[in-house]
Amino acid sequence: MKTISITVILLATAVMGVLSSTNAQPADGNSGTNLDQIVGIVGNEVILKSEIELQYQSQGAVAFQGYTEEQAKCLIMEDNLFQKLLINQARIDSVEVSDEQVDGELDRRMRFFVDQIGSERELEDYYGKSILEIKSEFQEMIENQLLVQKMRAK
């Protein structure tokens, strides 16, 4: 009984240590550079600092006119937390989107990207990947977006 309690305490301490650690270090330990940082967790969904930075850069200063960079990133973080909360609640409520819905949305977006860039070949060159690889990368994001839409409609 006592060894089980000690094992549970040690395991809990190890998990807390991993979760509280924010620096991703290379295996050689020579660099103190952050590779990424967990800035939020909702259920099983993780929000990384790099995601916030990427969204801030992609939306540009025009989208956040009148806000400081810190305020804009805070708004992005708040939106991400809300999205992850809806995704988590969708999973709890067993809300699902069909593969056909995801595939249809993927195809629609690929057509949009191809129209914007000129051709499938140019899109593949731009990303350095095949259309199938691009779709594969976008699949989870689109599924999550569709789940969020369903939860908002609920």
N, C-alpha and C. Protein backbone atom coordinates (compact mmCIF):
# COMPACT_ATOMS: atom_id res chain seq x y z
N MET A 1 0.83 -1.19 0.00
CA MET A 1 0.00 0.00 0.00
C MET A 1 0.87 1.25 0.00
N LYS A 2 1.91 1.24 0.85
CA LYS A 2 2.79 2.39 0.95
C LYS A 2 3.58 2.59 -0.34
N THR A 3 4.03 1.50 -0.98
CA THR A 3 4.78 1.61 -2.23
C THR A 3 3.90 2.13 -3.36
N ILE A 4 2.63 1.80 -3.35
CA ILE A 4 1.71 2.32 -4.37
C ILE A 4 1.58 3.83 -4.20
N SER A 5 1.42 4.31 -2.96
CA SER A 5 1.31 5.74 -2.70
C SER A 5 2.57 6.48 -3.12
N ILE A 6 3.73 5.91 -2.81
CA ILE A 6 5.00 6.54 -3.19
C ILE A 6 5.13 6.57 -4.70
N THR A 7 4.75 5.48 -5.37
CA THR A 7 4.81 5.42 -6.83
C THR A 7 3.90 6.47 -7.46
N VAL A 8 2.68 6.60 -6.92
CA VAL A 8 1.74 7.60 -7.43
C VAL A 8 2.29 9.00 -7.23
N ILE A 9 2.87 9.28 -6.08
CA ILE A 9 3.44 10.59 -5.80
C ILE A 9 4.60 10.88 -6.75
N LEU A 10 5.49 9.90 -6.95
CA LEU A 10 6.61 10.10 -7.87
C LEU A 10 6.13 10.32 -9.29
N LEU A 11 5.14 9.54 -9.71
CA LEU A 11 4.59 9.69 -11.06
C LEU A 11 3.94 11.06 -11.22
N ALA A 12 3.17 11.48 -10.24
CA ALA A 12 2.53 12.79 -10.29
C ALA A 12 3.57 13.90 -10.34
N THR A 13 4.63 13.78 -9.57
CA THR A 13 5.71 14.77 -9.58
C THR A 13 6.38 14.83 -10.93
N ALA A 14 6.62 13.67 -11.53
CA ALA A 14 7.25 13.63 -12.85
C ALA A 14 6.36 14.28 -13.91
N VAL A 15 5.07 13.97 -13.86
CA VAL A 15 4.13 14.56 -14.83
C VAL A 15 4.06 16.07 -14.64
N MET A 16 3.99 16.51 -13.40
CA MET A 16 3.94 17.96 -13.14
C MET A 16 5.21 18.63 -13.64
N GLY A 17 6.34 17.97 -13.45
CA GLY A 17 7.61 18.52 -13.93
C GLY A 17 7.62 18.67 -15.44
N VAL A 18 7.11 17.67 -16.14
CA VAL A 18 7.06 17.73 -17.60
C VAL A 18 6.11 18.82 -18.04
N LEU A 19 4.93 18.90 -17.41
CA LEU A 19 3.96 19.91 -17.82
C LEU A 19 4.42 21.33 -17.49
N SER A 20 5.15 21.49 -16.41
CA SER A 20 5.58 22.84 -16.05
C SER A 20 6.82 23.27 -16.81
N SER A 21 7.50 22.32 -17.43
CA SER A 21 8.69 22.64 -18.22
C SER A 21 8.26 23.31 -19.51
N THR A 22 8.83 24.47 -19.79
CA THR A 22 8.43 25.18 -20.99
C THR A 22 9.51 25.21 -22.04
N ASN A 23 10.72 24.83 -21.70
CA ASN A 23 11.80 24.84 -22.69
C ASN A 23 11.93 23.47 -23.32
N ALA A 24 11.94 23.45 -24.64
CA ALA A 24 12.22 22.21 -25.36
C ALA A 24 13.69 22.26 -25.73
N GLN A 25 14.50 21.44 -25.10
CA GLN A 25 15.95 21.48 -25.28
C GLN A 25 16.40 20.43 -26.28
N PRO A 26 17.41 20.72 -27.05
CA PRO A 26 18.00 19.68 -27.89
C PRO A 26 18.60 18.59 -27.01
N ALA A 27 18.76 17.40 -27.58
CA ALA A 27 19.27 16.26 -26.81
C ALA A 27 20.66 16.52 -26.25
N ASP A 28 21.48 17.30 -26.96
CA ASP A 28 22.83 17.54 -26.46
C ASP A 28 22.88 18.56 -25.33
N GLY A 29 21.79 19.29 -25.13
CA GLY A 29 21.71 20.25 -24.03
C GLY A 29 22.59 21.47 -24.20
N ASN A 30 23.18 21.69 -25.37
CA ASN A 30 24.08 22.81 -25.58
C ASN A 30 23.39 24.15 -25.74
N SER A 31 22.14 24.13 -26.12
CA SER A 31 21.46 25.38 -26.42
C SER A 31 20.33 25.62 -25.43
N GLY A 32 20.18 26.85 -24.98
CA GLY A 32 19.09 27.23 -24.11
C GLY A 32 17.95 27.85 -24.90
N THR A 33 17.95 27.69 -26.19
CA THR A 33 16.94 28.30 -27.05
C THR A 33 15.63 27.54 -26.94
N ASN A 34 14.51 28.29 -26.78
CA ASN A 34 13.20 27.67 -26.78
C ASN A 34 12.85 27.23 -28.19
N LEU A 35 12.45 25.98 -28.35
CA LEU A 35 11.95 25.52 -29.62
C LEU A 35 10.47 25.81 -29.71
N ASP A 36 9.76 25.68 -28.60
CA ASP A 36 8.36 26.00 -28.50
C ASP A 36 7.97 26.02 -27.03
N GLN A 37 6.79 26.53 -26.78
CA GLN A 37 6.35 26.66 -25.40
C GLN A 37 4.85 26.40 -25.36
N ILE A 38 4.41 25.60 -24.41
CA ILE A 38 2.99 25.38 -24.19
C ILE A 38 2.46 26.58 -23.42
N VAL A 39 1.45 27.25 -23.98
CA VAL A 39 0.90 28.42 -23.31
C VAL A 39 -0.53 28.19 -22.82
N GLY A 40 -1.11 27.05 -23.20
CA GLY A 40 -2.45 26.74 -22.74
C GLY A 40 -2.81 25.29 -23.02
N ILE A 41 -3.65 24.74 -22.14
CA ILE A 41 -4.15 23.39 -22.31
C ILE A 41 -5.63 23.39 -21.95
N VAL A 42 -6.46 22.87 -22.86
CA VAL A 42 -7.88 22.70 -22.59
C VAL A 42 -8.22 21.25 -22.92
N GLY A 43 -8.52 20.47 -21.89
CA GLY A 43 -8.76 19.04 -22.11
C GLY A 43 -7.50 18.41 -22.66
N ASN A 44 -7.61 17.79 -23.82
CA ASN A 44 -6.44 17.19 -24.47
C ASN A 44 -5.84 18.10 -25.52
N GLU A 45 -6.37 19.28 -25.65
CA GLU A 45 -5.93 20.22 -26.68
C GLU A 45 -4.85 21.15 -26.11
N VAL A 46 -3.75 21.29 -26.84
CA VAL A 46 -2.62 22.11 -26.42
C VAL A 46 -2.52 23.33 -27.32
N ILE A 47 -2.20 24.47 -26.74
CA ILE A 47 -1.94 25.69 -27.51
C ILE A 47 -0.47 26.02 -27.34
N LEU A 48 0.23 26.13 -28.47
CA LEU A 48 1.66 26.43 -28.45
C LEU A 48 1.90 27.91 -28.73
N LYS A 49 2.98 28.42 -28.16
CA LYS A 49 3.35 29.81 -28.39
C LYS A 49 3.57 30.07 -29.88
N SER A 50 4.15 29.10 -30.58
CA SER A 50 4.41 29.26 -32.01
C SER A 50 3.10 29.44 -32.79
N GLU A 51 2.01 28.80 -32.36
CA GLU A 51 0.71 28.97 -33.01
C GLU A 51 0.22 30.40 -32.87
N ILE A 52 0.38 30.95 -31.67
CA ILE A 52 -0.05 32.34 -31.41
C ILE A 52 0.78 33.30 -32.27
N GLU A 53 2.09 33.09 -32.28
CA GLU A 53 2.98 33.94 -33.08
C GLU A 53 2.63 33.87 -34.57
N LEU A 54 2.40 32.65 -35.06
CA LEU A 54 2.07 32.47 -36.47
C LEU A 54 0.76 33.16 -36.83
N GLN A 55 -0.23 33.02 -35.97
CA GLN A 55 -1.52 33.68 -36.23
C GLN A 55 -1.36 35.19 -36.19
N TYR A 56 -0.57 35.70 -35.27
CA TYR A 56 -0.35 37.14 -35.20
C TYR A 56 0.32 37.65 -36.47
N GLN A 57 1.35 36.94 -36.92
CA GLN A 57 2.05 37.35 -38.13
C GLN A 57 1.17 37.23 -39.36
N SER A 58 0.36 36.17 -39.45
CA SER A 58 -0.45 35.97 -40.65
C SER A 58 -1.62 36.96 -40.71
N GLN A 59 -2.13 37.41 -39.58
CA GLN A 59 -3.25 38.35 -39.58
C GLN A 59 -2.78 39.78 -39.76
N GLY A 60 -1.54 40.04 -39.41
CA GLY A 60 -0.96 41.35 -39.65
C GLY A 60 -1.46 42.44 -38.73
N ALA A 61 -0.78 43.56 -38.80
CA ALA A 61 -1.07 44.71 -37.93
C ALA A 61 -2.42 45.33 -38.24
N VAL A 62 -2.87 45.22 -39.48
CA VAL A 62 -4.14 45.83 -39.87
C VAL A 62 -5.30 45.22 -39.09
N ALA A 63 -5.26 43.92 -38.86
CA ALA A 63 -6.33 43.23 -38.14
C ALA A 63 -6.41 43.68 -36.68
N PHE A 64 -5.30 44.17 -36.15
CA PHE A 64 -5.25 44.56 -34.74
C PHE A 64 -4.95 46.04 -34.56
N GLN A 65 -5.44 46.83 -35.48
CA GLN A 65 -5.22 48.27 -35.41
C GLN A 65 -5.80 48.80 -34.09
N GLY A 66 -5.04 49.59 -33.39
CA GLY A 66 -5.47 50.15 -32.12
C GLY A 66 -5.07 49.31 -30.92
N TYR A 67 -4.47 48.15 -31.16
CA TYR A 67 -4.01 47.28 -30.09
C TYR A 67 -2.49 47.19 -30.12
N THR A 68 -1.90 47.03 -28.94
CA THR A 68 -0.48 46.76 -28.90
C THR A 68 -0.26 45.31 -29.32
N GLU A 69 0.96 44.94 -29.61
CA GLU A 69 1.27 43.56 -30.00
C GLU A 69 0.86 42.60 -28.89
N GLU A 70 1.15 42.98 -27.65
CA GLU A 70 0.79 42.13 -26.51
C GLU A 70 -0.72 41.96 -26.39
N GLN A 71 -1.48 43.03 -26.58
CA GLN A 71 -2.94 42.95 -26.52
C GLN A 71 -3.48 42.07 -27.66
N ALA A 72 -2.91 42.23 -28.85
CA ALA A 72 -3.34 41.44 -30.00
C ALA A 72 -3.10 39.96 -29.75
N LYS A 73 -1.93 39.62 -29.23
CA LYS A 73 -1.62 38.22 -28.94
C LYS A 73 -2.51 37.67 -27.84
N CYS A 74 -2.89 38.53 -26.91
CA CYS A 74 -3.82 38.13 -25.85
C CYS A 74 -5.19 37.80 -26.46
N LEU A 75 -5.64 38.61 -27.42
CA LEU A 75 -6.91 38.34 -28.10
C LEU A 75 -6.84 37.03 -28.88
N ILE A 76 -5.72 36.79 -29.54
CA ILE A 76 -5.54 35.54 -30.28
C ILE A 76 -5.57 34.36 -29.31
N MET A 77 -4.89 34.50 -28.17
CA MET A 77 -4.86 33.44 -27.17
C MET A 77 -6.28 33.16 -26.66
N GLU A 78 -7.02 34.21 -26.38
CA GLU A 78 -8.39 34.07 -25.90
C GLU A 78 -9.24 33.32 -26.93
N ASP A 79 -9.09 33.68 -28.20
CA ASP A 79 -9.84 33.02 -29.26
C ASP A 79 -9.45 31.54 -29.36
N ASN A 80 -8.16 31.25 -29.25
CA ASN A 80 -7.69 29.86 -29.29
C ASN A 80 -8.23 29.06 -28.12
N LEU A 81 -8.24 29.65 -26.93
CA LEU A 81 -8.78 28.96 -25.76
C LEU A 81 -10.26 28.63 -25.98
N PHE A 82 -11.00 29.58 -26.54
CA PHE A 82 -12.42 29.36 -26.79
C PHE A 82 -12.62 28.25 -27.83
N GLN A 83 -11.81 28.28 -28.89
CA GLN A 83 -11.90 27.24 -29.93
C GLN A 83 -11.61 25.87 -29.33
N LYS A 84 -10.55 25.77 -28.53
CA LYS A 84 -10.17 24.49 -27.92
C LYS A 84 -11.24 24.02 -26.94
N LEU A 85 -11.87 24.97 -26.24
CA LEU A 85 -12.96 24.64 -25.32
C LEU A 85 -14.13 24.03 -26.09
N LEU A 86 -14.47 24.63 -27.23
CA LEU A 86 -15.56 24.10 -28.05
C LEU A 86 -15.21 22.71 -28.61
N ILE A 87 -13.97 22.53 -29.05
CA ILE A 87 -13.54 21.23 -29.56
C ILE A 87 -13.61 20.19 -28.45
N ASN A 88 -13.13 20.54 -27.27
CA ASN A 88 -13.16 19.62 -26.13
C ASN A 88 -14.61 19.27 -25.78
N GLN A 89 -15.48 20.26 -25.75
CA GLN A 89 -16.88 20.01 -25.42
C GLN A 89 -17.55 19.17 -26.50
N ALA A 90 -17.18 19.39 -27.75
CA ALA A 90 -17.73 18.58 -28.85
C ALA A 90 -17.36 17.12 -28.66
N ARG A 91 -16.16 16.86 -28.24
CA ARG A 91 -15.72 15.48 -28.02
C ARG A 91 -16.46 14.87 -26.82
N ILE A 92 -16.66 15.67 -25.78
CA ILE A 92 -17.40 15.19 -24.60
C ILE A 92 -18.84 14.87 -24.99
N ASP A 93 -19.45 15.74 -25.81
CA ASP A 93 -20.85 15.56 -26.23
C ASP A 93 -20.99 14.59 -27.40
N SER A 94 -19.88 13.99 -27.82
CA SER A 94 -19.86 13.05 -28.96
C SER A 94 -20.35 13.69 -30.25
N VAL A 95 -20.10 14.97 -30.42
CA VAL A 95 -20.42 15.66 -31.67
C VAL A 95 -19.36 15.25 -32.68
N GLU A 96 -19.79 14.86 -33.85
CA GLU A 96 -18.85 14.41 -34.87
C GLU A 96 -19.14 15.08 -36.19
N VAL A 97 -18.13 15.12 -37.01
CA VAL A 97 -18.30 15.54 -38.40
C VAL A 97 -17.90 14.34 -39.26
N SER A 98 -18.61 14.17 -40.35
CA SER A 98 -18.34 13.00 -41.19
C SER A 98 -17.09 13.22 -42.03
N ASP A 99 -16.50 12.12 -42.46
CA ASP A 99 -15.35 12.19 -43.35
C ASP A 99 -15.72 12.90 -44.64
N GLU A 100 -16.97 12.71 -45.09
CA GLU A 100 -17.43 13.36 -46.32
C GLU A 100 -17.45 14.88 -46.15
N GLN A 101 -17.87 15.35 -44.98
CA GLN A 101 -17.87 16.80 -44.72
C GLN A 101 -16.45 17.35 -44.75
N VAL A 102 -15.55 16.65 -44.09
CA VAL A 102 -14.15 17.09 -44.04
C VAL A 102 -13.54 17.06 -45.44
N ASP A 103 -13.77 15.97 -46.16
CA ASP A 103 -13.22 15.86 -47.52
C ASP A 103 -13.80 16.93 -48.44
N GLY A 104 -15.09 17.19 -48.31
CA GLY A 104 -15.72 18.22 -49.13
C GLY A 104 -15.13 19.60 -48.87
N GLU A 105 -14.92 19.90 -47.59
CA GLU A 105 -14.33 21.19 -47.24
C GLU A 105 -12.88 21.28 -47.69
N LEU A 106 -12.15 20.18 -47.56
CA LEU A 106 -10.77 20.13 -48.04
C LEU A 106 -10.72 20.40 -49.55
N ASP A 107 -11.58 19.73 -50.29
CA ASP A 107 -11.62 19.92 -51.75
C ASP A 107 -11.97 21.36 -52.10
N ARG A 108 -12.95 21.93 -51.39
CA ARG A 108 -13.34 23.31 -51.65
C ARG A 108 -12.17 24.27 -51.40
N ARG A 109 -11.46 24.06 -50.32
CA ARG A 109 -10.33 24.94 -50.01
C ARG A 109 -9.17 24.75 -50.99
N MET A 110 -8.94 23.51 -51.39
CA MET A 110 -7.87 23.26 -52.37
C MET A 110 -8.20 23.96 -53.70
N ARG A 111 -9.47 23.89 -54.12
CA ARG A 111 -9.88 24.59 -55.34
C ARG A 111 -9.65 26.09 -55.20
N PHE A 112 -9.97 26.63 -54.02
CA PHE A 112 -9.75 28.07 -53.77
C PHE A 112 -8.27 28.41 -53.86
N PHE A 113 -7.43 27.61 -53.21
CA PHE A 113 -5.98 27.86 -53.25
C PHE A 113 -5.43 27.75 -54.66
N VAL A 114 -5.89 26.74 -55.40
CA VAL A 114 -5.44 26.57 -56.78
C VAL A 114 -5.86 27.77 -57.62
N ASP A 115 -7.10 28.23 -57.43
CA ASP A 115 -7.56 29.42 -58.16
C ASP A 115 -6.72 30.64 -57.83
N GLN A 116 -6.33 30.78 -56.57
CA GLN A 116 -5.55 31.93 -56.14
C GLN A 116 -4.13 31.90 -56.69
N ILE A 117 -3.53 30.71 -56.70
CA ILE A 117 -2.12 30.61 -57.07
C ILE A 117 -1.92 30.31 -58.56
N GLY A 118 -2.93 29.73 -59.21
CA GLY A 118 -2.83 29.52 -60.65
C GLY A 118 -3.03 28.10 -61.12
N SER A 119 -2.36 27.14 -60.48
CA SER A 119 -2.51 25.73 -60.87
C SER A 119 -2.12 24.84 -59.71
N GLU A 120 -2.51 23.55 -59.83
CA GLU A 120 -2.14 22.59 -58.79
C GLU A 120 -0.62 22.47 -58.68
N ARG A 121 0.04 22.48 -59.83
CA ARG A 121 1.51 22.36 -59.86
C ARG A 121 2.16 23.52 -59.11
N GLU A 122 1.65 24.74 -59.33
CA GLU A 122 2.21 25.91 -58.64
C GLU A 122 1.95 25.82 -57.13
N LEU A 123 0.78 25.28 -56.76
CA LEU A 123 0.47 25.11 -55.34
C LEU A 123 1.42 24.10 -54.71
N GLU A 124 1.68 23.00 -55.42
CA GLU A 124 2.62 22.00 -54.93
C GLU A 124 4.03 22.57 -54.82
N ASP A 125 4.42 23.37 -55.80
CA ASP A 125 5.74 24.01 -55.75
C ASP A 125 5.84 24.98 -54.59
N TYR A 126 4.77 25.75 -54.36
CA TYR A 126 4.75 26.73 -53.28
C TYR A 126 4.95 26.06 -51.92
N TYR A 127 4.22 24.97 -51.68
CA TYR A 127 4.32 24.26 -50.41
C TYR A 127 5.46 23.24 -50.38
N GLY A 128 5.96 22.88 -51.57
CA GLY A 128 7.01 21.87 -51.63
C GLY A 128 6.48 20.49 -51.29
N LYS A 129 5.19 20.27 -51.54
CA LYS A 129 4.53 19.01 -51.20
C LYS A 129 3.48 18.71 -52.26
N SER A 130 3.06 17.44 -52.31
CA SER A 130 1.99 17.06 -53.22
C SER A 130 0.65 17.55 -52.66
N ILE A 131 -0.35 17.56 -53.51
CA ILE A 131 -1.70 17.95 -53.08
C ILE A 131 -2.17 17.04 -51.95
N LEU A 132 -1.91 15.74 -52.06
CA LEU A 132 -2.31 14.80 -51.00
C LEU A 132 -1.64 15.12 -49.67
N GLU A 133 -0.36 15.50 -49.71
CA GLU A 133 0.34 15.87 -48.47
C GLU A 133 -0.22 17.16 -47.89
N ILE A 134 -0.54 18.11 -48.75
CA ILE A 134 -1.13 19.38 -48.28
C ILE A 134 -2.47 19.10 -47.62
N LYS A 135 -3.31 18.29 -48.28
CA LYS A 135 -4.61 17.94 -47.72
C LYS A 135 -4.45 17.24 -46.37
N SER A 136 -3.48 16.35 -46.29
CA SER A 136 -3.24 15.63 -45.05
C SER A 136 -2.90 16.58 -43.90
N GLU A 137 -2.11 17.61 -44.20
CA GLU A 137 -1.74 18.58 -43.17
C GLU A 137 -2.92 19.42 -42.71
N PHE A 138 -3.84 19.71 -43.63
CA PHE A 138 -4.98 20.56 -43.31
C PHE A 138 -6.16 19.79 -42.72
N GLN A 139 -6.15 18.47 -42.84
CA GLN A 139 -7.32 17.66 -42.47
C GLN A 139 -7.75 17.86 -41.01
N GLU A 140 -6.83 17.76 -40.06
CA GLU A 140 -7.21 17.90 -38.65
C GLU A 140 -7.70 19.31 -38.35
N MET A 141 -7.05 20.31 -38.93
CA MET A 141 -7.47 21.69 -38.70
C MET A 141 -8.90 21.90 -39.20
N ILE A 142 -9.20 21.38 -40.38
CA ILE A 142 -10.53 21.55 -40.94
C ILE A 142 -11.57 20.78 -40.13
N GLU A 143 -11.21 19.58 -39.71
CA GLU A 143 -12.13 18.81 -38.86
C GLU A 143 -12.44 19.59 -37.58
N ASN A 144 -11.41 20.17 -36.96
CA ASN A 144 -11.63 20.96 -35.75
C ASN A 144 -12.50 22.18 -36.03
N GLN A 145 -12.27 22.84 -37.15
CA GLN A 145 -13.09 24.01 -37.50
C GLN A 145 -14.55 23.62 -37.70
N LEU A 146 -14.79 22.48 -38.33
CA LEU A 146 -16.16 22.02 -38.53
C LEU A 146 -16.81 21.64 -37.20
N LEU A 147 -16.04 21.04 -36.29
CA LEU A 147 -16.56 20.73 -34.95
C LEU A 147 -16.95 22.02 -34.22
N VAL A 148 -16.10 23.02 -34.32
CA VAL A 148 -16.40 24.30 -33.67
C VAL A 148 -17.68 24.91 -34.24
N GLN A 149 -17.82 24.86 -35.56
CA GLN A 149 -19.04 25.38 -36.19
C GLN A 149 -20.28 24.66 -35.68
N LYS A 150 -20.20 23.32 -35.56
CA LYS A 150 -21.34 22.55 -35.06
C LYS A 150 -21.66 22.91 -33.62
N MET A 151 -20.62 23.08 -32.81
CA MET A 151 -20.85 23.42 -31.40
C MET A 151 -21.43 24.83 -31.28
N ARG A 152 -20.99 25.75 -32.08
CA ARG A 152 -21.55 27.11 -32.04
C ARG A 152 -23.02 27.09 -32.45
N ALA A 153 -23.36 26.27 -33.43
CA ALA A 153 -24.74 26.17 -33.89
C ALA A 153 -25.63 25.54 -32.81
N LYS A 154 -25.03 24.66 -32.01
CA LYS A 154 -25.75 24.00 -30.92
C LYS A 154 -26.09 25.02 -29.85
